[in-house]
Amino acid sequence: MSRKQLAKWLYVVAAGASFLLSVSLWFSGSKEQGAFVGLWVPSILSFGTLMMGGRHE
């Protein structure tokens, strides 16, 4: 696995973990915290896109 593929995979895993944490918080009764953590998902994916966008192999 190349370094670029690993980086993409890590960003997706981080966003997925954030989503799962958000859903678990929401359904456990902490709706405000769940919504806050849910905002991390697009932020992580946007940051990943920004970091990966400048690299051409």
N, C-alpha and C. Protein backbone atom coordinates (compact mmCIF):
# COMPACT_ATOMS: atom_id res chain seq x y z
N MET A 1 0.86 -1.17 0.00
CA MET A 1 0.00 0.00 0.00
C MET A 1 0.90 1.24 0.00
N SER A 2 0.63 2.13 -0.91
CA SER A 2 1.45 3.34 -0.99
C SER A 2 1.09 4.29 0.15
N ARG A 3 1.95 5.24 0.34
CA ARG A 3 1.75 6.22 1.41
C ARG A 3 0.48 7.05 1.18
N LYS A 4 0.21 7.37 -0.08
CA LYS A 4 -0.98 8.15 -0.42
C LYS A 4 -2.26 7.35 -0.13
N GLN A 5 -2.25 6.08 -0.47
CA GLN A 5 -3.41 5.23 -0.20
C GLN A 5 -3.63 5.08 1.29
N LEU A 6 -2.55 4.95 2.05
CA LEU A 6 -2.65 4.83 3.50
C LEU A 6 -3.25 6.09 4.10
N ALA A 7 -2.80 7.25 3.62
CA ALA A 7 -3.33 8.52 4.12
C ALA A 7 -4.82 8.64 3.83
N LYS A 8 -5.23 8.28 2.62
CA LYS A 8 -6.66 8.33 2.28
C LYS A 8 -7.46 7.42 3.18
N TRP A 9 -6.94 6.22 3.40
CA TRP A 9 -7.62 5.24 4.24
C TRP A 9 -7.76 5.76 5.67
N LEU A 10 -6.72 6.39 6.19
CA LEU A 10 -6.76 6.90 7.56
C LEU A 10 -7.78 8.03 7.72
N TYR A 11 -7.88 8.91 6.72
CA TYR A 11 -8.88 9.98 6.79
C TYR A 11 -10.30 9.40 6.78
N VAL A 12 -10.53 8.41 5.97
CA VAL A 12 -11.86 7.79 5.90
C VAL A 12 -12.18 7.06 7.20
N VAL A 13 -11.20 6.36 7.76
CA VAL A 13 -11.41 5.66 9.03
C VAL A 13 -11.69 6.66 10.15
N ALA A 14 -10.95 7.75 10.17
CA ALA A 14 -11.18 8.78 11.20
C ALA A 14 -12.58 9.37 11.08
N ALA A 15 -13.01 9.65 9.86
CA ALA A 15 -14.35 10.19 9.65
C ALA A 15 -15.41 9.16 10.04
N GLY A 16 -15.19 7.91 9.70
CA GLY A 16 -16.13 6.85 10.07
C GLY A 16 -16.23 6.67 11.57
N ALA A 17 -15.09 6.71 12.25
CA ALA A 17 -15.09 6.59 13.71
C ALA A 17 -15.82 7.77 14.35
N SER A 18 -15.62 8.95 13.80
CA SER A 18 -16.32 10.13 14.29
C SER A 18 -17.83 9.98 14.10
N PHE A 19 -18.22 9.48 12.96
CA PHE A 19 -19.65 9.27 12.69
C PHE A 19 -20.25 8.27 13.68
N LEU A 20 -19.56 7.16 13.89
CA LEU A 20 -20.07 6.15 14.82
C LEU A 20 -20.14 6.68 16.25
N LEU A 21 -19.14 7.45 16.65
CA LEU A 21 -19.17 8.07 17.98
C LEU A 21 -20.34 9.04 18.09
N SER A 22 -20.56 9.80 17.05
CA SER A 22 -21.66 10.76 17.04
C SER A 22 -23.01 10.06 17.18
N VAL A 23 -23.20 9.00 16.43
CA VAL A 23 -24.47 8.26 16.49
C VAL A 23 -24.66 7.63 17.86
N SER A 24 -23.59 7.08 18.41
CA SER A 24 -23.72 6.45 19.73
C SER A 24 -24.02 7.49 20.81
N LEU A 25 -23.40 8.66 20.72
CA LEU A 25 -23.72 9.72 21.68
C LEU A 25 -25.16 10.18 21.53
N TRP A 26 -25.60 10.35 20.30
CA TRP A 26 -26.96 10.83 20.04
C TRP A 26 -27.99 9.88 20.64
N PHE A 27 -27.83 8.58 20.39
CA PHE A 27 -28.83 7.62 20.85
C PHE A 27 -28.67 7.24 22.32
N SER A 28 -27.56 7.63 22.93
CA SER A 28 -27.41 7.38 24.37
C SER A 28 -27.98 8.53 25.19
N GLY A 29 -28.49 9.55 24.52
CA GLY A 29 -29.13 10.65 25.22
C GLY A 29 -28.34 11.95 25.22
N SER A 30 -27.12 11.92 24.77
CA SER A 30 -26.30 13.13 24.72
C SER A 30 -26.41 13.75 23.34
N LYS A 31 -27.58 14.26 23.02
CA LYS A 31 -27.83 14.75 21.67
C LYS A 31 -26.96 15.94 21.30
N GLU A 32 -26.73 16.83 22.24
CA GLU A 32 -25.91 18.00 21.94
C GLU A 32 -24.46 17.60 21.65
N GLN A 33 -23.92 16.69 22.44
CA GLN A 33 -22.56 16.21 22.20
C GLN A 33 -22.49 15.41 20.91
N GLY A 34 -23.52 14.63 20.64
CA GLY A 34 -23.56 13.86 19.40
C GLY A 34 -23.56 14.76 18.17
N ALA A 35 -24.32 15.85 18.24
CA ALA A 35 -24.34 16.80 17.12
C ALA A 35 -22.98 17.48 16.96
N PHE A 36 -22.33 17.80 18.07
CA PHE A 36 -21.01 18.42 18.00
C PHE A 36 -19.99 17.49 17.35
N VAL A 37 -19.97 16.25 17.79
CA VAL A 37 -19.02 15.28 17.22
C VAL A 37 -19.38 15.00 15.76
N GLY A 38 -20.66 15.04 15.43
CA GLY A 38 -21.08 14.82 14.05
C GLY A 38 -20.54 15.88 13.10
N LEU A 39 -20.26 17.07 13.63
CA LEU A 39 -19.68 18.12 12.80
C LEU A 39 -18.23 17.84 12.43
N TRP A 40 -17.61 16.91 13.12
CA TRP A 40 -16.22 16.57 12.81
C TRP A 40 -16.10 15.84 11.48
N VAL A 41 -17.13 15.09 11.11
CA VAL A 41 -17.04 14.24 9.91
C VAL A 41 -16.71 15.07 8.66
N PRO A 42 -17.50 16.08 8.31
CA PRO A 42 -17.13 16.85 7.12
C PRO A 42 -15.81 17.61 7.29
N SER A 43 -15.50 17.98 8.53
CA SER A 43 -14.23 18.68 8.77
C SER A 43 -13.04 17.76 8.50
N ILE A 44 -13.12 16.52 8.96
CA ILE A 44 -12.04 15.56 8.73
C ILE A 44 -11.91 15.27 7.24
N LEU A 45 -13.03 15.05 6.58
CA LEU A 45 -12.98 14.76 5.14
C LEU A 45 -12.47 15.96 4.34
N SER A 46 -12.86 17.16 4.73
CA SER A 46 -12.37 18.36 4.05
C SER A 46 -10.88 18.54 4.25
N PHE A 47 -10.42 18.31 5.48
CA PHE A 47 -9.00 18.41 5.76
C PHE A 47 -8.21 17.37 4.95
N GLY A 48 -8.75 16.17 4.87
CA GLY A 48 -8.11 15.13 4.07
C GLY A 48 -8.03 15.50 2.60
N THR A 49 -9.10 16.08 2.09
CA THR A 49 -9.10 16.52 0.69
C THR A 49 -8.08 17.64 0.48
N LEU A 50 -8.00 18.55 1.42
CA LEU A 50 -7.03 19.64 1.33
C LEU A 50 -5.61 19.10 1.34
N MET A 51 -5.33 18.17 2.23
CA MET A 51 -3.98 17.62 2.34
C MET A 51 -3.61 16.77 1.13
N MET A 52 -4.56 16.05 0.58
CA MET A 52 -4.28 15.17 -0.55
C MET A 52 -4.33 15.90 -1.89
N GLY A 53 -4.94 17.06 -1.93
CA GLY A 53 -5.16 17.76 -3.18
C GLY A 53 -3.91 18.26 -3.87
N GLY A 54 -2.89 18.61 -3.13
CA GLY A 54 -1.70 19.17 -3.73
C GLY A 54 -0.68 18.16 -4.20
N ARG A 55 -0.93 16.90 -3.95
CA ARG A 55 0.05 15.87 -4.28
C ARG A 55 -0.29 15.19 -5.60
N HIS A 56 0.68 15.14 -6.47
CA HIS A 56 0.50 14.43 -7.74
C HIS A 56 1.64 13.44 -7.88
N GLU A 57 1.28 12.20 -8.14
CA GLU A 57 2.31 11.17 -8.31
C GLU A 57 2.29 10.64 -9.71
